[in-house]
């Protein structure tokens, strides 16, 4: 695996976590 694809994988992984955390925040606001 070269460095560029590795960096892309890490970036995608971080974005997935960020998006899921934001979804949890908005769901919490809606339920409360």
N, C-alpha and C. Protein backbone atom coordinates (compact mmCIF):
# COMPACT_ATOMS: atom_id res chain seq x y z
N UNK A 1 0.86 -1.20 0.00
CA UNK A 1 0.00 0.00 0.00
C UNK A 1 0.89 1.24 0.00
N UNK A 2 0.63 2.16 -0.93
CA UNK A 2 1.46 3.35 -0.96
C UNK A 2 0.92 4.40 0.00
N UNK A 3 1.70 5.46 0.19
CA UNK A 3 1.36 6.46 1.21
C UNK A 3 0.07 7.20 0.89
N UNK A 4 -0.16 7.48 -0.40
CA UNK A 4 -1.34 8.27 -0.77
C UNK A 4 -2.63 7.53 -0.46
N UNK A 5 -2.72 6.27 -0.85
CA UNK A 5 -3.96 5.51 -0.59
C UNK A 5 -4.14 5.29 0.91
N UNK A 6 -3.01 5.16 1.62
CA UNK A 6 -3.09 4.99 3.07
C UNK A 6 -3.65 6.25 3.72
N UNK A 7 -3.18 7.40 3.27
CA UNK A 7 -3.66 8.68 3.80
C UNK A 7 -5.14 8.85 3.49
N UNK A 8 -5.54 8.43 2.28
CA UNK A 8 -6.94 8.53 1.88
C UNK A 8 -7.82 7.66 2.78
N UNK A 9 -7.34 6.46 3.08
CA UNK A 9 -8.10 5.56 3.97
C UNK A 9 -8.26 6.18 5.35
N UNK A 10 -7.18 6.75 5.87
CA UNK A 10 -7.25 7.36 7.20
C UNK A 10 -8.21 8.55 7.18
N UNK A 11 -8.16 9.34 6.11
CA UNK A 11 -9.05 10.49 5.98
C UNK A 11 -10.51 10.06 5.94
N UNK A 12 -10.79 9.00 5.19
CA UNK A 12 -12.16 8.50 5.09
C UNK A 12 -12.63 7.98 6.45
N UNK A 13 -11.74 7.29 7.15
CA UNK A 13 -12.05 6.74 8.47
C UNK A 13 -12.42 7.86 9.44
N UNK A 14 -11.60 8.93 9.45
CA UNK A 14 -11.85 10.06 10.34
C UNK A 14 -13.16 10.74 9.97
N UNK A 15 -13.42 10.91 8.67
CA UNK A 15 -14.66 11.56 8.24
C UNK A 15 -15.88 10.74 8.68
N UNK A 16 -15.78 9.40 8.59
CA UNK A 16 -16.90 8.55 9.01
C UNK A 16 -17.21 8.74 10.49
N UNK A 17 -16.16 8.81 11.31
CA UNK A 17 -16.34 9.03 12.75
C UNK A 17 -16.97 10.40 12.98
N UNK A 18 -16.45 11.42 12.29
CA UNK A 18 -16.94 12.79 12.46
C UNK A 18 -18.42 12.88 12.10
N UNK A 19 -18.80 12.28 10.98
CA UNK A 19 -20.19 12.33 10.51
C UNK A 19 -21.10 11.59 11.49
N UNK A 20 -20.69 10.41 11.96
CA UNK A 20 -21.53 9.65 12.87
C UNK A 20 -21.69 10.38 14.20
N UNK A 21 -20.64 11.09 14.66
CA UNK A 21 -20.74 11.85 15.90
C UNK A 21 -21.72 13.00 15.72
N UNK A 22 -21.67 13.66 14.54
CA UNK A 22 -22.60 14.77 14.28
C UNK A 22 -24.04 14.25 14.24
N UNK A 23 -24.26 13.08 13.66
CA UNK A 23 -25.60 12.51 13.60
C UNK A 23 -26.11 12.23 15.01
N UNK A 24 -25.25 11.72 15.88
CA UNK A 24 -25.64 11.46 17.26
C UNK A 24 -26.02 12.76 17.95
N UNK A 25 -25.26 13.83 17.70
CA UNK A 25 -25.55 15.12 18.31
C UNK A 25 -26.91 15.63 17.86
N UNK A 26 -27.20 15.57 16.57
CA UNK A 26 -28.48 16.09 16.07
C UNK A 26 -29.62 15.22 16.58
N UNK A 27 -29.43 13.92 16.67
CA UNK A 27 -30.47 13.04 17.19
C UNK A 27 -30.74 13.35 18.66
N UNK A 28 -29.69 13.64 19.41
CA UNK A 28 -29.85 14.00 20.82
C UNK A 28 -30.64 15.28 20.96
N UNK A 29 -30.38 16.25 20.09
CA UNK A 29 -31.11 17.52 20.14
C UNK A 29 -32.58 17.29 19.82
N UNK A 30 -32.85 16.44 18.84
CA UNK A 30 -34.24 16.18 18.42
C UNK A 30 -35.00 15.46 19.54
N UNK A 31 -34.38 14.46 20.16
CA UNK A 31 -35.08 13.70 21.20
C UNK A 31 -35.26 14.55 22.45
N UNK A 32 -34.31 15.41 22.76
CA UNK A 32 -34.42 16.28 23.93
C UNK A 32 -35.14 17.56 23.53
